[in-house]
Amino acid sequence: QVQLVESGGGLVQPGGSLRLSCAASGFTFRSYTMSWYRQAPGKERELVAGISSFGGSTNYADSMKGRFTISRDNAKNTVYLQMNDLKPEDTAVYFCNARGLGPGDYLAEYWGQGTQVTVSS
């Protein structure tokens, strides 16, 4: 049973910080690329950040560079997203994503249910 469970979302004032966590189980976490996506009301789901299987490479959407940091702990099967200097436009549901080779050598992709982040005064 593959599971990705996000946590850490909530209500925060502009300029504040939050740390999201995604706990993974049911697959070989260390072999998968992990990413965070977000979706705001009326908008398409967009990539926030990604990290390679061993953490050697990261990438960020331009609007998040310098404010957000993705990291992973393969011993804990967990990926994190540190969000600083939050802005109202960061308000969205944030989703955890895993991508890699699954059983039978097919490209597998898994999604969590999402966690709500609301930035408002």
N, C-alpha and C. Protein backbone atom coordinates (compact mmCIF):
# COMPACT_ATOMS: atom_id res chain seq x y z
N GLN A 1 0.83 -1.18 0.00
CA GLN A 1 0.00 0.00 0.00
C GLN A 1 0.88 1.24 0.00
N VAL A 2 0.91 1.94 -1.13
CA VAL A 2 1.70 3.16 -1.25
C VAL A 2 0.96 4.30 -0.57
N GLN A 3 1.69 5.05 0.24
CA GLN A 3 1.11 6.20 0.92
C GLN A 3 2.09 7.36 0.93
N LEU A 4 1.57 8.55 0.66
CA LEU A 4 2.27 9.81 0.84
C LEU A 4 1.36 10.69 1.68
N VAL A 5 1.80 11.04 2.87
CA VAL A 5 0.97 11.78 3.81
C VAL A 5 1.64 13.10 4.14
N GLU A 6 1.02 14.19 3.70
CA GLU A 6 1.55 15.53 3.97
C GLU A 6 1.06 16.04 5.32
N SER A 7 1.87 16.89 5.93
CA SER A 7 1.49 17.54 7.17
C SER A 7 2.24 18.87 7.29
N GLY A 8 1.81 19.71 8.21
CA GLY A 8 2.50 20.96 8.48
C GLY A 8 1.84 22.20 7.92
N GLY A 9 0.79 22.04 7.15
CA GLY A 9 0.09 23.19 6.61
C GLY A 9 -0.71 23.90 7.68
N GLY A 10 -1.20 25.08 7.33
CA GLY A 10 -1.99 25.86 8.27
C GLY A 10 -2.10 27.30 7.85
N LEU A 11 -2.54 28.13 8.78
CA LEU A 11 -2.71 29.56 8.56
C LEU A 11 -1.49 30.30 9.09
N VAL A 12 -0.94 31.18 8.26
CA VAL A 12 0.23 31.96 8.65
C VAL A 12 0.11 33.37 8.09
N GLN A 13 0.66 34.34 8.79
CA GLN A 13 0.64 35.73 8.33
C GLN A 13 1.68 35.97 7.25
N PRO A 14 1.46 36.95 6.39
CA PRO A 14 2.48 37.29 5.39
C PRO A 14 3.83 37.55 6.05
N GLY A 15 4.89 37.02 5.44
CA GLY A 15 6.22 37.12 6.00
C GLY A 15 6.60 36.00 6.93
N GLY A 16 5.65 35.17 7.28
CA GLY A 16 5.90 34.06 8.18
C GLY A 16 6.47 32.85 7.48
N SER A 17 6.65 31.77 8.25
CA SER A 17 7.27 30.55 7.74
C SER A 17 6.46 29.32 8.13
N LEU A 18 6.57 28.30 7.30
CA LEU A 18 6.00 26.99 7.58
C LEU A 18 6.94 25.93 7.07
N ARG A 19 6.91 24.76 7.69
CA ARG A 19 7.67 23.62 7.23
C ARG A 19 6.72 22.46 6.97
N LEU A 20 6.63 22.04 5.72
CA LEU A 20 5.79 20.92 5.35
C LEU A 20 6.59 19.63 5.37
N SER A 21 5.93 18.54 5.73
CA SER A 21 6.54 17.23 5.73
C SER A 21 5.69 16.27 4.90
N CYS A 22 6.33 15.31 4.28
CA CYS A 22 5.65 14.26 3.53
C CYS A 22 6.25 12.93 3.93
N ALA A 23 5.47 12.10 4.61
CA ALA A 23 5.92 10.78 5.05
C ALA A 23 5.50 9.74 4.03
N ALA A 24 6.47 8.96 3.53
CA ALA A 24 6.24 8.00 2.47
C ALA A 24 6.35 6.57 2.99
N SER A 25 5.57 5.68 2.39
CA SER A 25 5.64 4.26 2.73
C SER A 25 5.12 3.44 1.56
N GLY A 26 5.52 2.16 1.50
CA GLY A 26 5.00 1.25 0.49
C GLY A 26 5.79 1.18 -0.81
N PHE A 27 6.90 1.88 -0.88
CA PHE A 27 7.77 1.83 -2.06
C PHE A 27 9.19 2.17 -1.66
N THR A 28 10.13 1.99 -2.60
CA THR A 28 11.54 2.22 -2.30
C THR A 28 11.84 3.71 -2.39
N PHE A 29 11.58 4.40 -1.30
CA PHE A 29 11.66 5.85 -1.25
C PHE A 29 13.00 6.38 -1.75
N ARG A 30 14.10 5.77 -1.35
CA ARG A 30 15.43 6.28 -1.68
C ARG A 30 15.73 6.27 -3.17
N SER A 31 14.96 5.51 -3.96
CA SER A 31 15.18 5.42 -5.40
C SER A 31 14.30 6.39 -6.21
N TYR A 32 13.48 7.17 -5.53
CA TYR A 32 12.51 8.01 -6.21
C TYR A 32 12.86 9.49 -6.12
N THR A 33 12.62 10.18 -7.22
CA THR A 33 12.65 11.63 -7.21
C THR A 33 11.40 12.14 -6.49
N MET A 34 11.58 13.09 -5.59
CA MET A 34 10.47 13.65 -4.83
C MET A 34 10.27 15.11 -5.21
N SER A 35 9.00 15.52 -5.23
CA SER A 35 8.68 16.89 -5.60
C SER A 35 7.51 17.40 -4.77
N TRP A 36 7.43 18.72 -4.69
CA TRP A 36 6.26 19.40 -4.15
C TRP A 36 5.59 20.18 -5.28
N TYR A 37 4.28 20.05 -5.35
CA TYR A 37 3.46 20.83 -6.25
C TYR A 37 2.44 21.61 -5.43
N ARG A 38 1.83 22.59 -6.05
CA ARG A 38 0.76 23.30 -5.38
C ARG A 38 -0.33 23.67 -6.37
N GLN A 39 -1.53 23.87 -5.86
CA GLN A 39 -2.65 24.27 -6.69
C GLN A 39 -3.51 25.27 -5.93
N ALA A 40 -3.62 26.46 -6.48
CA ALA A 40 -4.45 27.50 -5.92
C ALA A 40 -5.81 27.49 -6.61
N PRO A 41 -6.84 28.04 -5.96
CA PRO A 41 -8.17 28.07 -6.57
C PRO A 41 -8.15 28.73 -7.94
N GLY A 42 -8.73 28.07 -8.93
CA GLY A 42 -8.81 28.62 -10.28
C GLY A 42 -7.54 28.53 -11.09
N LYS A 43 -6.51 27.88 -10.56
CA LYS A 43 -5.24 27.79 -11.27
C LYS A 43 -4.84 26.33 -11.48
N GLU A 44 -3.93 26.13 -12.44
CA GLU A 44 -3.39 24.80 -12.70
C GLU A 44 -2.41 24.40 -11.61
N ARG A 45 -2.27 23.10 -11.41
CA ARG A 45 -1.26 22.61 -10.49
C ARG A 45 0.13 22.91 -11.05
N GLU A 46 1.02 23.43 -10.20
CA GLU A 46 2.34 23.83 -10.65
C GLU A 46 3.43 23.22 -9.78
N LEU A 47 4.58 23.01 -10.38
CA LEU A 47 5.74 22.51 -9.66
C LEU A 47 6.29 23.59 -8.74
N VAL A 48 6.55 23.23 -7.49
CA VAL A 48 7.18 24.12 -6.54
C VAL A 48 8.68 23.84 -6.44
N ALA A 49 9.02 22.57 -6.21
CA ALA A 49 10.42 22.18 -6.04
C ALA A 49 10.56 20.68 -6.24
N GLY A 50 11.76 20.25 -6.64
CA GLY A 50 12.06 18.84 -6.80
C GLY A 50 13.43 18.52 -6.25
N ILE A 51 13.64 17.26 -5.87
CA ILE A 51 14.91 16.82 -5.33
C ILE A 51 15.20 15.40 -5.82
N SER A 52 16.44 15.15 -6.21
CA SER A 52 16.83 13.84 -6.73
C SER A 52 16.85 12.80 -5.61
N SER A 53 16.98 11.53 -6.00
CA SER A 53 16.82 10.43 -5.05
C SER A 53 17.77 10.49 -3.87
N PHE A 54 19.00 10.93 -4.09
CA PHE A 54 19.97 11.02 -3.01
C PHE A 54 20.22 12.45 -2.54
N GLY A 55 19.41 13.37 -3.01
CA GLY A 55 19.49 14.74 -2.54
C GLY A 55 20.57 15.59 -3.16
N GLY A 56 21.23 15.08 -4.19
CA GLY A 56 22.34 15.81 -4.79
C GLY A 56 21.93 16.96 -5.68
N SER A 57 20.71 16.93 -6.18
CA SER A 57 20.23 17.96 -7.09
C SER A 57 18.85 18.44 -6.66
N THR A 58 18.64 19.74 -6.74
CA THR A 58 17.34 20.33 -6.46
C THR A 58 16.99 21.32 -7.55
N ASN A 59 15.70 21.56 -7.71
CA ASN A 59 15.25 22.59 -8.63
C ASN A 59 14.02 23.26 -8.06
N TYR A 60 13.82 24.52 -8.43
CA TYR A 60 12.72 25.32 -7.91
C TYR A 60 12.07 26.12 -9.02
N ALA A 61 10.79 26.34 -8.88
CA ALA A 61 10.13 27.31 -9.74
C ALA A 61 10.70 28.70 -9.44
N ASP A 62 10.74 29.55 -10.46
CA ASP A 62 11.37 30.86 -10.30
C ASP A 62 10.78 31.68 -9.17
N SER A 63 9.48 31.63 -8.99
CA SER A 63 8.83 32.43 -7.95
C SER A 63 9.15 31.96 -6.54
N MET A 64 9.69 30.76 -6.40
CA MET A 64 10.00 30.21 -5.09
C MET A 64 11.49 30.25 -4.74
N LYS A 65 12.33 30.54 -5.72
CA LYS A 65 13.77 30.56 -5.47
C LYS A 65 14.12 31.61 -4.42
N GLY A 66 14.95 31.20 -3.46
CA GLY A 66 15.38 32.09 -2.40
C GLY A 66 14.47 32.11 -1.20
N ARG A 67 13.27 31.58 -1.32
CA ARG A 67 12.32 31.54 -0.20
C ARG A 67 12.02 30.13 0.27
N PHE A 68 11.97 29.19 -0.67
CA PHE A 68 11.62 27.80 -0.34
C PHE A 68 12.84 26.90 -0.45
N THR A 69 12.90 25.87 0.39
CA THR A 69 13.97 24.89 0.35
C THR A 69 13.40 23.49 0.48
N ILE A 70 13.73 22.62 -0.47
CA ILE A 70 13.32 21.22 -0.40
C ILE A 70 14.49 20.38 0.12
N SER A 71 14.18 19.39 0.94
CA SER A 71 15.19 18.48 1.46
C SER A 71 14.55 17.12 1.71
N ARG A 72 15.39 16.10 1.92
CA ARG A 72 14.86 14.78 2.19
C ARG A 72 15.74 14.04 3.18
N ASP A 73 15.12 13.12 3.90
CA ASP A 73 15.82 12.24 4.83
C ASP A 73 15.45 10.82 4.46
N ASN A 74 16.33 10.15 3.71
CA ASN A 74 16.01 8.81 3.22
C ASN A 74 15.90 7.78 4.34
N ALA A 75 16.58 8.01 5.46
CA ALA A 75 16.47 7.11 6.60
C ALA A 75 15.10 7.16 7.23
N LYS A 76 14.41 8.29 7.08
CA LYS A 76 13.07 8.48 7.65
C LYS A 76 11.97 8.43 6.60
N ASN A 77 12.34 8.20 5.34
CA ASN A 77 11.36 8.17 4.24
C ASN A 77 10.50 9.43 4.23
N THR A 78 11.14 10.57 4.37
CA THR A 78 10.42 11.83 4.49
C THR A 78 11.07 12.91 3.63
N VAL A 79 10.23 13.71 2.98
CA VAL A 79 10.69 14.87 2.24
C VAL A 79 10.06 16.11 2.88
N TYR A 80 10.80 17.22 2.88
CA TYR A 80 10.37 18.43 3.54
C TYR A 80 10.34 19.61 2.57
N LEU A 81 9.55 20.60 2.91
CA LEU A 81 9.56 21.86 2.21
C LEU A 81 9.55 22.98 3.24
N GLN A 82 10.66 23.69 3.37
CA GLN A 82 10.75 24.84 4.24
C GLN A 82 10.34 26.07 3.45
N MET A 83 9.35 26.79 3.94
CA MET A 83 8.81 27.95 3.25
C MET A 83 8.99 29.18 4.13
N ASN A 84 9.72 30.17 3.62
CA ASN A 84 9.99 31.41 4.33
C ASN A 84 9.44 32.60 3.56
N ASP A 85 9.26 33.70 4.27
CA ASP A 85 8.75 34.93 3.67
C ASP A 85 7.50 34.66 2.84
N LEU A 86 6.55 34.01 3.44
CA LEU A 86 5.34 33.62 2.73
C LEU A 86 4.50 34.83 2.33
N LYS A 87 3.89 34.72 1.17
CA LYS A 87 3.08 35.78 0.60
C LYS A 87 1.66 35.27 0.37
N PRO A 88 0.68 36.18 0.31
CA PRO A 88 -0.70 35.72 0.07
C PRO A 88 -0.84 34.86 -1.19
N GLU A 89 -0.06 35.15 -2.22
CA GLU A 89 -0.14 34.36 -3.44
C GLU A 89 0.41 32.95 -3.30
N ASP A 90 1.03 32.63 -2.15
CA ASP A 90 1.46 31.27 -1.87
C ASP A 90 0.32 30.39 -1.36
N THR A 91 -0.82 30.99 -1.08
CA THR A 91 -1.97 30.24 -0.61
C THR A 91 -2.38 29.19 -1.63
N ALA A 92 -2.42 27.93 -1.21
CA ALA A 92 -2.72 26.82 -2.12
C ALA A 92 -2.75 25.53 -1.32
N VAL A 93 -3.20 24.48 -1.98
CA VAL A 93 -3.02 23.13 -1.46
C VAL A 93 -1.69 22.61 -1.98
N TYR A 94 -0.85 22.14 -1.09
CA TYR A 94 0.47 21.65 -1.45
C TYR A 94 0.47 20.13 -1.45
N PHE A 95 0.97 19.55 -2.55
CA PHE A 95 0.95 18.11 -2.76
C PHE A 95 2.36 17.54 -2.83
N CYS A 96 2.54 16.38 -2.25
CA CYS A 96 3.78 15.63 -2.34
C CYS A 96 3.69 14.65 -3.51
N ASN A 97 4.78 14.53 -4.28
CA ASN A 97 4.82 13.68 -5.46
C ASN A 97 6.08 12.82 -5.45
N ALA A 98 5.92 11.55 -5.83
CA ALA A 98 7.05 10.63 -5.97
C ALA A 98 7.06 10.08 -7.39
N ARG A 99 8.24 9.98 -7.99
CA ARG A 99 8.36 9.50 -9.36
C ARG A 99 9.59 8.61 -9.49
N GLY A 100 9.39 7.41 -10.08
CA GLY A 100 10.48 6.48 -10.26
C GLY A 100 10.02 5.21 -10.94
N LEU A 101 10.90 4.22 -11.00
CA LEU A 101 10.57 2.94 -11.62
C LEU A 101 9.89 2.03 -10.60
N GLY A 102 8.70 1.58 -10.93
CA GLY A 102 7.95 0.68 -10.08
C GLY A 102 8.12 -0.77 -10.48
N PRO A 103 7.34 -1.66 -9.87
CA PRO A 103 7.40 -3.08 -10.23
C PRO A 103 7.14 -3.31 -11.72
N GLY A 104 7.91 -4.22 -12.33
CA GLY A 104 7.77 -4.48 -13.76
C GLY A 104 8.46 -3.45 -14.64
N ASP A 105 9.26 -2.59 -14.05
CA ASP A 105 10.05 -1.60 -14.78
C ASP A 105 9.17 -0.58 -15.51
N TYR A 106 8.10 -0.17 -14.89
CA TYR A 106 7.27 0.89 -15.44
C TYR A 106 7.48 2.17 -14.62
N LEU A 107 7.19 3.29 -15.23
CA LEU A 107 7.36 4.57 -14.56
C LEU A 107 6.17 4.79 -13.63
N ALA A 108 6.46 4.81 -12.35
CA ALA A 108 5.42 4.99 -11.35
C ALA A 108 5.39 6.43 -10.86
N GLU A 109 4.20 6.91 -10.56
CA GLU A 109 4.03 8.24 -10.00
C GLU A 109 2.96 8.19 -8.93
N TYR A 110 3.28 8.71 -7.76
CA TYR A 110 2.37 8.69 -6.62
C TYR A 110 2.14 10.10 -6.10
N TRP A 111 0.93 10.33 -5.59
CA TRP A 111 0.54 11.63 -5.06
C TRP A 111 -0.05 11.50 -3.66
N GLY A 112 0.24 12.49 -2.83
CA GLY A 112 -0.43 12.60 -1.56
C GLY A 112 -1.76 13.33 -1.71
N GLN A 113 -2.50 13.45 -0.62
CA GLN A 113 -3.81 14.09 -0.64
C GLN A 113 -3.73 15.60 -0.52
N GLY A 114 -2.60 16.12 -0.10
CA GLY A 114 -2.40 17.55 -0.03
C GLY A 114 -2.61 18.11 1.36
N THR A 115 -1.98 19.25 1.61
CA THR A 115 -2.16 19.99 2.85
C THR A 115 -2.36 21.47 2.53
N GLN A 116 -3.32 22.09 3.19
CA GLN A 116 -3.70 23.47 2.90
C GLN A 116 -2.74 24.45 3.56
N VAL A 117 -2.25 25.40 2.77
CA VAL A 117 -1.46 26.51 3.28
C VAL A 117 -2.21 27.79 2.97
N THR A 118 -2.50 28.57 3.99
CA THR A 118 -3.21 29.83 3.82
C THR A 118 -2.37 30.96 4.41
N VAL A 119 -2.06 31.95 3.58
CA VAL A 119 -1.26 33.09 4.00
C VAL A 119 -2.17 34.32 4.00
N SER A 120 -2.47 34.81 5.19
CA SER A 120 -3.41 35.92 5.32
C SER A 120 -3.19 36.63 6.64
N SER A 121 -3.43 37.94 6.65
CA SER A 121 -3.36 38.71 7.87
C SER A 121 -4.69 38.76 8.59
